[in-house]
Protein backbone atom coordinates (compact mmCIF):
# COMPACT_ATOMS: atom_id res chain seq x y z
CA UNK A 1 -30.94 -168.70 77.37
CA UNK A 2 -28.74 -169.22 80.43
CA UNK A 3 -31.11 -171.93 81.66
CA UNK A 4 -30.98 -173.71 78.30
CA UNK A 5 -27.18 -173.60 78.32
CA UNK A 6 -27.07 -175.09 81.83
CA UNK A 7 -29.56 -177.80 80.87
CA UNK A 8 -27.44 -178.74 77.84
CA UNK A 9 -24.35 -178.99 80.04
CA UNK A 10 -26.26 -181.08 82.55
CA UNK A 11 -27.62 -183.36 79.84
CA UNK A 12 -24.13 -184.02 78.53
CA UNK A 13 -22.65 -184.37 82.02
CA UNK A 14 -25.19 -186.88 83.30
CA UNK A 15 -25.60 -188.50 79.90
CA UNK A 16 -22.55 -189.59 77.92
CA UNK A 17 -19.89 -188.19 80.27
CA UNK A 18 -20.84 -189.43 83.75
CA UNK A 19 -24.23 -191.09 83.38
CA UNK A 20 -22.88 -194.59 83.93
CA UNK A 21 -20.73 -193.54 86.89
CA UNK A 22 -23.73 -191.87 88.53
CA UNK A 23 -25.92 -194.90 87.90
CA UNK A 24 -23.24 -197.12 89.46
CA UNK A 25 -23.30 -194.92 92.57
CA UNK A 26 -27.05 -194.56 93.09
CA UNK A 27 -28.13 -197.86 91.56
CA UNK A 28 -31.22 -198.44 89.47
CA UNK A 29 -33.48 -198.01 92.52
CA UNK A 30 -31.69 -194.91 93.82
CA UNK A 31 -33.64 -191.92 95.03
CA UNK A 32 -32.37 -189.71 92.24
CA UNK A 33 -33.77 -192.04 89.60
CA UNK A 34 -37.23 -192.59 91.07
CA UNK A 35 -38.81 -189.31 89.99
CA UNK A 36 -40.40 -189.04 86.57
CA UNK A 37 -37.87 -187.63 84.07
CA UNK A 38 -40.23 -184.87 82.87
CA UNK A 39 -40.91 -183.74 86.42
CA UNK A 40 -37.20 -183.72 87.23
CA UNK A 41 -36.42 -181.69 84.11
CA UNK A 42 -39.18 -179.17 84.87
CA UNK A 43 -38.08 -178.70 88.47
CA UNK A 44 -34.44 -178.38 87.39
CA UNK A 45 -35.39 -175.75 84.80
CA UNK A 46 -37.39 -173.74 87.34
CA UNK A 47 -34.57 -173.81 89.88
CA UNK A 48 -32.03 -172.84 87.21
CA UNK A 49 -34.33 -169.97 86.22
CA UNK A 50 -34.26 -168.70 89.81
CA UNK A 51 -30.47 -169.00 89.82
CA UNK A 52 -29.96 -167.36 86.44
CA UNK A 53 -32.33 -164.53 87.38
CA UNK A 54 -30.29 -163.80 90.48
CA UNK A 55 -27.10 -164.07 88.46
CA UNK A 56 -28.48 -161.57 85.94
CA UNK A 57 -29.40 -159.23 88.78
CA UNK A 58 -25.88 -159.56 90.18
CA UNK A 59 -24.34 -158.67 86.81
CA UNK A 60 -26.72 -155.73 86.42
CA UNK A 61 -25.65 -154.38 89.82
CA UNK A 62 -22.00 -154.54 88.78
CA UNK A 63 -22.90 -152.55 85.68
CA UNK A 64 -22.40 -152.87 81.96
CA UNK A 65 -19.49 -150.40 81.97
CA UNK A 66 -17.49 -152.37 84.51
CA UNK A 67 -18.27 -155.68 82.83
CA UNK A 68 -17.24 -154.26 79.43
CA UNK A 69 -13.74 -153.46 80.66
CA UNK A 70 -13.50 -156.49 82.98
CA UNK A 71 -15.23 -159.35 81.14
CA UNK A 72 -13.54 -161.96 83.32
CA UNK A 73 -15.97 -160.90 86.06
CA UNK A 74 -18.71 -162.92 84.33
CA UNK A 75 -16.72 -166.11 84.91
CA UNK A 76 -15.23 -165.14 88.23
CA UNK A 77 -18.63 -164.27 89.65
CA UNK A 78 -20.60 -167.20 88.20
CA UNK A 79 -17.86 -169.70 89.07
CA UNK A 80 -17.45 -168.04 92.46
CA UNK A 81 -21.13 -168.53 93.25
CA UNK A 82 -20.81 -172.20 92.43
CA UNK A 83 -17.50 -172.72 94.22
CA UNK A 84 -18.12 -170.63 97.32
CA UNK A 85 -21.81 -171.21 97.98
CA UNK A 86 -23.57 -173.90 95.97
CA UNK A 87 -20.97 -176.68 95.99
CA UNK A 88 -20.16 -176.35 99.72
CA UNK A 89 -23.86 -176.41 100.60
CA UNK A 90 -24.33 -179.43 98.35
CA UNK A 91 -21.46 -181.20 100.08
CA UNK A 92 -22.78 -180.33 103.54
CA UNK A 93 -26.06 -181.94 102.55
CA UNK A 94 -24.26 -184.92 101.04
CA UNK A 95 -22.26 -185.42 104.24
CA UNK A 96 -25.51 -185.78 106.18
CA UNK A 97 -26.82 -188.25 103.59
CA UNK A 98 -23.53 -190.18 103.45
CA UNK A 99 -23.23 -189.74 99.68
CA UNK A 100 -19.93 -191.00 98.30
CA UNK A 101 -17.08 -188.63 97.56
CA UNK A 102 -17.12 -189.83 93.96
CA UNK A 103 -20.74 -188.80 93.43
CA UNK A 104 -20.17 -185.51 95.28
CA UNK A 105 -17.28 -184.69 92.93
CA UNK A 106 -19.32 -185.63 89.84
CA UNK A 107 -22.18 -183.40 90.98
CA UNK A 108 -19.83 -180.56 91.94
CA UNK A 109 -18.27 -180.66 88.48
CA UNK A 110 -21.71 -180.41 86.93
CA UNK A 111 -22.70 -177.48 89.13
CA UNK A 112 -19.49 -175.60 88.32
CA UNK A 113 -19.85 -176.13 84.57
CA UNK A 114 -23.55 -175.20 84.63
CA UNK A 115 -22.81 -171.95 86.45
CA UNK A 116 -19.94 -171.16 84.09
CA UNK A 117 -22.23 -171.90 81.13
CA UNK A 118 -24.78 -169.44 82.51
CA UNK A 119 -22.04 -166.86 83.03
CA UNK A 120 -20.90 -167.42 79.45
CA UNK A 121 -24.40 -166.74 78.13
CA UNK A 122 -24.56 -163.48 80.07
CA UNK A 123 -21.12 -162.56 78.73
CA UNK A 124 -22.14 -163.33 75.15
CA UNK A 125 -25.38 -161.36 75.52
CA UNK A 126 -23.52 -158.47 77.13
CA UNK A 127 -21.40 -157.90 74.01
């Protein structure tokens, strides 16, 4: 369910919210648009499954009792993963590829919201 939530967020983010801005950055022949949409979706889902599995493991290690009395940990930990690890590594990669700051910020926003969406699913399922 966490993967589905993240895919919905991503679909909205790169669809009606920032789809045109991203297309303006990468252009119609850009690398990100060359792959077949079904293949991109499948790979994204698999990678999100890896991420959500690790996130679930992380929450399990904290424990249901702790999470019950400190529910903000779901959001702090999922957002913290995105903000402290994933987004910086994305930006390091983007620096080497000379990706624009605008596109890096759009992608970082998507990553943060996807991770928070996954954390929200774990929170909702933990109740």
